[in-house]
Amino acid sequence: MNLSMQVRLSVAVVAAVSTLTVAPSALAAPPSANCTQYAFDGEFIARGDGIDHRWTVTFTSTGLVPGGPARVKFDDGGIVNGTITDGEINRHVIDFRIKWNNKPDNIWNFSGILGPDGLVRHGTQLLSGALPRSGSYWESLRPLDCIAFSAPEPPNSRIDPHAPIGPADLPR
């Protein structure tokens, strides 16, 4: 077997093994660099780090638009309940607002960019109406669901393990 045939055979074996080992589960779509649209799929958890406190926000939503009750638990044990007033996920961008029940003007504005793993790593949270504006950085702790994928990239046509061997392939 010449070198060209050995290379083609090796490529075919590697391709077959990698296809078997990375086949996605039929139960859930795996995180993907090809995801074009994320969505809420149940419990959403965000962990934030403010200037003088750390907190965890939780709510439950499905689809592109969040809604319903939300809760923030501060690391010192304090808990405040609120309501999501509006927001959406547009492709990889997530934005939503929570109005907290303890103060009518206490509205937190969340925004962030979802990575290929469905998580926000460096989101921002700003307090509406506060002067000077105050806020925190946050990250999501549970990946969102990918509901739309871009078309997969075409396979590399330069290496075809089934291509016929011609004179140019033979060693000289």
C-alpha atoms as a PDB file:
ATOM      1  CA  MET A   1       0.000   0.000   0.000  1.00  0.00           C
ATOM      2  CA  ASN A   2       1.530   3.334  -1.025  1.00  0.00           C
ATOM      3  CA  LEU A   3       1.700   6.447   1.148  1.00  0.00           C
ATOM      4  CA  SER A   4      -1.264   8.171  -0.550  1.00  0.00           C
ATOM      5  CA  MET A   5      -3.520   5.161   0.051  1.00  0.00           C
ATOM      6  CA  GLN A   6      -2.353   4.950   3.690  1.00  0.00           C
ATOM      7  CA  VAL A   7      -3.190   8.632   4.240  1.00  0.00           C
ATOM      8  CA  ARG A   8      -6.666   8.194   2.714  1.00  0.00           C
ATOM      9  CA  LEU A   9      -7.308   5.084   4.797  1.00  0.00           C
ATOM     10  CA  SER A  10      -6.182   6.895   7.972  1.00  0.00           C
ATOM     11  CA  VAL A  11      -8.461   9.840   7.204  1.00  0.00           C
ATOM     12  CA  ALA A  12     -11.395   7.491   6.644  1.00  0.00           C
ATOM     13  CA  VAL A  13     -10.779   5.677   9.958  1.00  0.00           C
ATOM     14  CA  VAL A  14     -10.438   8.941  11.917  1.00  0.00           C
ATOM     15  CA  ALA A  15     -13.616  10.314  10.316  1.00  0.00           C
ATOM     16  CA  ALA A  16     -15.563   7.143  11.141  1.00  0.00           C
ATOM     17  CA  VAL A  17     -14.365   7.034  14.762  1.00  0.00           C
ATOM     18  CA  SER A  18     -14.995  10.745  15.373  1.00  0.00           C
ATOM     19  CA  THR A  19     -18.504  10.414  13.922  1.00  0.00           C
ATOM     20  CA  LEU A  20     -19.254   7.584  16.346  1.00  0.00           C
ATOM     21  CA  THR A  21     -17.838   9.331  19.395  1.00  0.00           C
ATOM     22  CA  VAL A  22     -19.455  12.758  18.940  1.00  0.00           C
ATOM     23  CA  ALA A  23     -22.923  11.816  17.734  1.00  0.00           C
ATOM     24  CA  PRO A  24     -25.441  14.093  19.482  1.00  0.00           C
ATOM     25  CA  SER A  25     -27.970  12.733  21.930  1.00  0.00           C
ATOM     26  CA  ALA A  26     -31.491  12.280  20.615  1.00  0.00           C
ATOM     27  CA  LEU A  27     -32.819  13.756  23.866  1.00  0.00           C
ATOM     28  CA  ALA A  28     -31.303  17.235  23.746  1.00  0.00           C
ATOM     29  CA  ALA A  29     -29.522  19.490  21.312  1.00  0.00           C
ATOM     30  CA  PRO A  30     -25.904  19.885  22.410  1.00  0.00           C
ATOM     31  CA  PRO A  31     -24.296  23.325  22.646  1.00  0.00           C
ATOM     32  CA  SER A  32     -22.998  24.264  19.224  1.00  0.00           C
ATOM     33  CA  ALA A  33     -21.025  26.948  17.460  1.00  0.00           C
ATOM     34  CA  ASN A  34     -23.686  26.550  14.735  1.00  0.00           C
ATOM     35  CA  CYS A  35     -26.558  27.676  16.989  1.00  0.00           C
ATOM     36  CA  THR A  36     -28.417  30.646  15.513  1.00  0.00           C
ATOM     37  CA  GLN A  37     -31.199  31.009  18.121  1.00  0.00           C
ATOM     38  CA  TYR A  38     -31.331  30.280  21.848  1.00  0.00           C
ATOM     39  CA  ALA A  39     -34.461  30.080  24.020  1.00  0.00           C
ATOM     40  CA  PHE A  40     -35.452  29.766  27.671  1.00  0.00           C
ATOM     41  CA  ASP A  41     -36.238  26.142  28.532  1.00  0.00           C
ATOM     42  CA  GLY A  42     -37.264  26.166  32.184  1.00  0.00           C
ATOM     43  CA  GLU A  43     -35.346  27.417  35.180  1.00  0.00           C
ATOM     44  CA  PHE A  44     -32.935  30.277  34.448  1.00  0.00           C
ATOM     45  CA  ILE A  45     -30.231  31.045  37.016  1.00  0.00           C
ATOM     46  CA  ALA A  46     -27.957  34.104  36.944  1.00  0.00           C
ATOM     47  CA  ARG A  47     -25.149  34.742  39.433  1.00  0.00           C
ATOM     48  CA  GLY A  48     -24.077  38.349  39.917  1.00  0.00           C
ATOM     49  CA  ASP A  49     -21.281  40.192  41.625  1.00  0.00           C
ATOM     50  CA  GLY A  50     -22.047  43.792  42.624  1.00  0.00           C
ATOM     51  CA  ILE A  51     -19.778  46.326  44.285  1.00  0.00           C
ATOM     52  CA  ASP A  52     -20.917  45.448  47.797  1.00  0.00           C
ATOM     53  CA  HIS A  53     -22.894  42.198  47.420  1.00  0.00           C
ATOM     54  CA  ARG A  54     -23.252  38.938  45.504  1.00  0.00           C
ATOM     55  CA  TRP A  55     -26.625  37.604  44.431  1.00  0.00           C
ATOM     56  CA  THR A  56     -28.441  34.850  42.538  1.00  0.00           C
ATOM     57  CA  VAL A  57     -31.516  35.534  40.383  1.00  0.00           C
ATOM     58  CA  THR A  58     -33.866  32.702  39.388  1.00  0.00           C
ATOM     59  CA  PHE A  59     -37.009  32.501  37.289  1.00  0.00           C
ATOM     60  CA  THR A  60     -38.760  29.975  35.077  1.00  0.00           C
ATOM     61  CA  SER A  61     -39.617  30.703  31.449  1.00  0.00           C
ATOM     62  CA  THR A  62     -39.828  28.951  28.104  1.00  0.00           C
ATOM     63  CA  GLY A  63     -39.457  30.337  24.605  1.00  0.00           C
ATOM     64  CA  LEU A  64     -37.904  33.582  23.408  1.00  0.00           C
ATOM     65  CA  VAL A  65     -39.729  35.977  25.760  1.00  0.00           C
ATOM     66  CA  PRO A  66     -39.337  35.632  29.541  1.00  0.00           C
ATOM     67  CA  GLY A  67     -42.166  36.385  31.924  1.00  0.00           C
ATOM     68  CA  GLY A  68     -43.562  35.695  35.344  1.00  0.00           C
ATOM     69  CA  PRO A  69     -42.169  35.847  38.858  1.00  0.00           C
ATOM     70  CA  ALA A  70     -38.477  36.192  39.681  1.00  0.00           C
ATOM     71  CA  ARG A  71     -36.500  35.964  42.886  1.00  0.00           C
ATOM     72  CA  VAL A  72     -33.150  37.376  43.973  1.00  0.00           C
ATOM     73  CA  LYS A  73     -31.287  35.856  46.897  1.00  0.00           C
ATOM     74  CA  PHE A  74     -28.390  37.830  48.290  1.00  0.00           C
ATOM     75  CA  ASP A  75     -25.391  36.089  49.839  1.00  0.00           C
ATOM     76  CA  ASP A  76     -26.219  37.733  53.188  1.00  0.00           C
ATOM     77  CA  GLY A  77     -29.511  35.762  53.194  1.00  0.00           C
ATOM     78  CA  GLY A  78     -31.854  38.508  52.002  1.00  0.00           C
ATOM     79  CA  ILE A  79     -34.541  37.509  49.497  1.00  0.00           C
ATOM     80  CA  VAL A  80     -36.620  39.806  47.284  1.00  0.00           C
ATOM     81  CA  ASN A  81     -39.365  38.748  44.875  1.00  0.00           C
ATOM     82  CA  GLY A  82     -40.256  40.515  41.662  1.00  0.00           C
ATOM     83  CA  THR A  83     -41.745  40.220  38.196  1.00  0.00           C
ATOM     84  CA  ILE A  84     -40.149  40.114  34.763  1.00  0.00           C
ATOM     85  CA  THR A  85     -41.605  43.134  32.974  1.00  0.00           C
ATOM     86  CA  ASP A  86     -40.201  42.497  29.488  1.00  0.00           C
ATOM     87  CA  GLY A  87     -37.287  41.089  27.534  1.00  0.00           C
ATOM     88  CA  GLU A  88     -36.311  38.638  24.829  1.00  0.00           C
ATOM     89  CA  ILE A  89     -33.608  36.449  23.370  1.00  0.00           C
ATOM     90  CA  ASN A  90     -32.697  37.564  19.864  1.00  0.00           C
ATOM     91  CA  ARG A  91     -30.300  35.016  18.368  1.00  0.00           C
ATOM     92  CA  HIS A  92     -27.314  35.280  20.796  1.00  0.00           C
ATOM     93  CA  VAL A  93     -28.394  38.435  22.654  1.00  0.00           C
ATOM     94  CA  ILE A  94     -30.399  38.207  25.877  1.00  0.00           C
ATOM     95  CA  ASP A  95     -32.144  41.187  27.494  1.00  0.00           C
ATOM     96  CA  PHE A  96     -34.738  41.280  30.270  1.00  0.00           C
ATOM     97  CA  ARG A  97     -35.958  43.537  33.067  1.00  0.00           C
ATOM     98  CA  ILE A  98     -37.086  42.618  36.568  1.00  0.00           C
ATOM     99  CA  LYS A  99     -39.145  44.944  38.749  1.00  0.00           C
ATOM    100  CA  TRP A 100     -38.629  44.082  42.418  1.00  0.00           C
ATOM    101  CA  ASN A 101     -41.651  44.180  44.745  1.00  0.00           C
ATOM    102  CA  ASN A 102     -39.890  45.878  47.660  1.00  0.00           C
ATOM    103  CA  LYS A 103     -39.463  49.208  45.781  1.00  0.00           C
ATOM    104  CA  PRO A 104     -41.578  50.363  42.804  1.00  0.00           C
ATOM    105  CA  ASP A 105     -38.595  52.041  41.109  1.00  0.00           C
ATOM    106  CA  ASN A 106     -36.217  49.121  41.695  1.00  0.00           C
ATOM    107  CA  ILE A 107     -35.885  47.693  38.165  1.00  0.00           C
ATOM    108  CA  TRP A 108     -32.844  45.670  37.153  1.00  0.00           C
ATOM    109  CA  ASN A 109     -31.949  45.653  33.446  1.00  0.00           C
ATOM    110  CA  PHE A 110     -30.041  42.534  32.356  1.00  0.00           C
ATOM    111  CA  SER A 111     -28.194  42.117  29.062  1.00  0.00           C
ATOM    112  CA  GLY A 112     -25.632  39.667  27.777  1.00  0.00           C
ATOM    113  CA  ILE A 113     -24.232  37.665  24.882  1.00  0.00           C
ATOM    114  CA  LEU A 114     -24.719  33.892  24.786  1.00  0.00           C
ATOM    115  CA  GLY A 115     -21.657  31.845  23.927  1.00  0.00           C
ATOM    116  CA  PRO A 116     -21.648  28.684  21.809  1.00  0.00           C
ATOM    117  CA  ASP A 117     -22.260  26.682  25.002  1.00  0.00           C
ATOM    118  CA  GLY A 118     -25.560  28.510  25.680  1.00  0.00           C
ATOM    119  CA  LEU A 119     -24.168  30.431  28.673  1.00  0.00           C
ATOM    120  CA  VAL A 120     -23.702  34.149  29.363  1.00  0.00           C
ATOM    121  CA  ARG A 121     -20.277  34.810  30.861  1.00  0.00           C
ATOM    122  CA  HIS A 122     -19.985  38.608  31.211  1.00  0.00           C
ATOM    123  CA  GLY A 123     -23.501  40.035  31.253  1.00  0.00           C
ATOM    124  CA  THR A 124     -24.334  43.426  32.695  1.00  0.00           C
ATOM    125  CA  GLN A 125     -27.063  44.341  35.163  1.00  0.00           C
ATOM    126  CA  LEU A 126     -27.931  48.012  35.622  1.00  0.00           C
ATOM    127  CA  LEU A 127     -30.377  49.580  38.062  1.00  0.00           C
ATOM    128  CA  SER A 128     -32.941  51.812  36.324  1.00  0.00           C
ATOM    129  CA  GLY A 129     -33.298  55.342  37.604  1.00  0.00           C
ATOM    130  CA  ALA A 130     -30.256  55.195  39.885  1.00  0.00           C
ATOM    131  CA  LEU A 131     -27.891  58.166  39.716  1.00  0.00           C
ATOM    132  CA  PRO A 132     -25.085  57.518  39.417  1.00  0.00           C
ATOM    133  CA  ARG A 133     -26.023  54.328  37.600  1.00  0.00           C
ATOM    134  CA  SER A 134     -25.138  51.259  39.587  1.00  0.00           C
ATOM    135  CA  GLY A 135     -24.947  47.682  38.512  1.00  0.00           C
ATOM    136  CA  SER A 136     -23.227  44.328  38.490  1.00  0.00           C
ATOM    137  CA  TYR A 137     -21.710  41.777  36.198  1.00  0.00           C
ATOM    138  CA  TRP A 138     -23.440  38.396  35.945  1.00  0.00           C
ATOM    139  CA  GLU A 139     -23.178  34.981  34.364  1.00  0.00           C
ATOM    140  CA  SER A 140     -25.767  32.307  33.719  1.00  0.00           C
ATOM    141  CA  LEU A 141     -25.310  28.994  35.502  1.00  0.00           C
ATOM    142  CA  ARG A 142     -27.462  26.775  33.287  1.00  0.00           C
ATOM    143  CA  PRO A 143     -27.222  26.728  29.472  1.00  0.00           C
ATOM    144  CA  LEU A 144     -30.165  27.880  27.418  1.00  0.00           C
ATOM    145  CA  ASP A 145     -31.636  25.646  24.730  1.00  0.00           C
ATOM    146  CA  CYS A 146     -30.526  25.960  21.102  1.00  0.00           C
ATOM    147  CA  ILE A 147     -33.667  25.914  18.957  1.00  0.00           C
ATOM    148  CA  ALA A 148     -32.183  26.734  15.521  1.00  0.00           C
ATOM    149  CA  PHE A 149     -28.942  25.744  13.838  1.00  0.00           C
ATOM    150  CA  SER A 150     -27.160  27.107  10.793  1.00  0.00           C
ATOM    151  CA  ALA A 151     -26.514  24.699   7.968  1.00  0.00           C
ATOM    152  CA  PRO A 152     -23.506  22.503   8.666  1.00  0.00           C
ATOM    153  CA  GLU A 153     -20.340  23.359   6.828  1.00  0.00           C
ATOM    154  CA  PRO A 154     -19.703  21.242   3.729  1.00  0.00           C
ATOM    155  CA  PRO A 155     -17.153  18.490   4.267  1.00  0.00           C
ATOM    156  CA  ASN A 156     -13.613  19.051   3.094  1.00  0.00           C
ATOM    157  CA  SER A 157     -13.733  17.903  -0.514  1.00  0.00           C
ATOM    158  CA  ARG A 158      -9.958  17.846  -0.925  1.00  0.00           C
ATOM    159  CA  ILE A 159      -9.613  14.590   1.024  1.00  0.00           C
ATOM    160  CA  ASP A 160     -11.940  11.900  -0.246  1.00  0.00           C
ATOM    161  CA  PRO A 161     -11.132   8.394   1.040  1.00  0.00           C
ATOM    162  CA  HIS A 162     -13.120   6.892  -1.866  1.00  0.00           C
ATOM    163  CA  ALA A 163     -11.474   8.895  -4.670  1.00  0.00           C
ATOM    164  CA  PRO A 164      -9.721   6.838  -7.320  1.00  0.00           C
ATOM    165  CA  ILE A 165      -5.955   6.817  -7.237  1.00  0.00           C
ATOM    166  CA  GLY A 166      -4.334   8.421 -10.269  1.00  0.00           C
ATOM    167  CA  PRO A 167      -0.746   8.746 -11.524  1.00  0.00           C
ATOM    168  CA  ALA A 168      -0.271  11.983  -9.576  1.00  0.00           C
ATOM    169  CA  ASP A 169      -0.937  10.107  -6.312  1.00  0.00           C
ATOM    170  CA  LEU A 170       1.862   7.607  -6.800  1.00  0.00           C
ATOM    171  CA  PRO A 171       5.222   8.229  -5.132  1.00  0.00           C
ATOM    172  CA  ARG A 172       8.018   9.207  -7.511  1.00  0.00           C
END
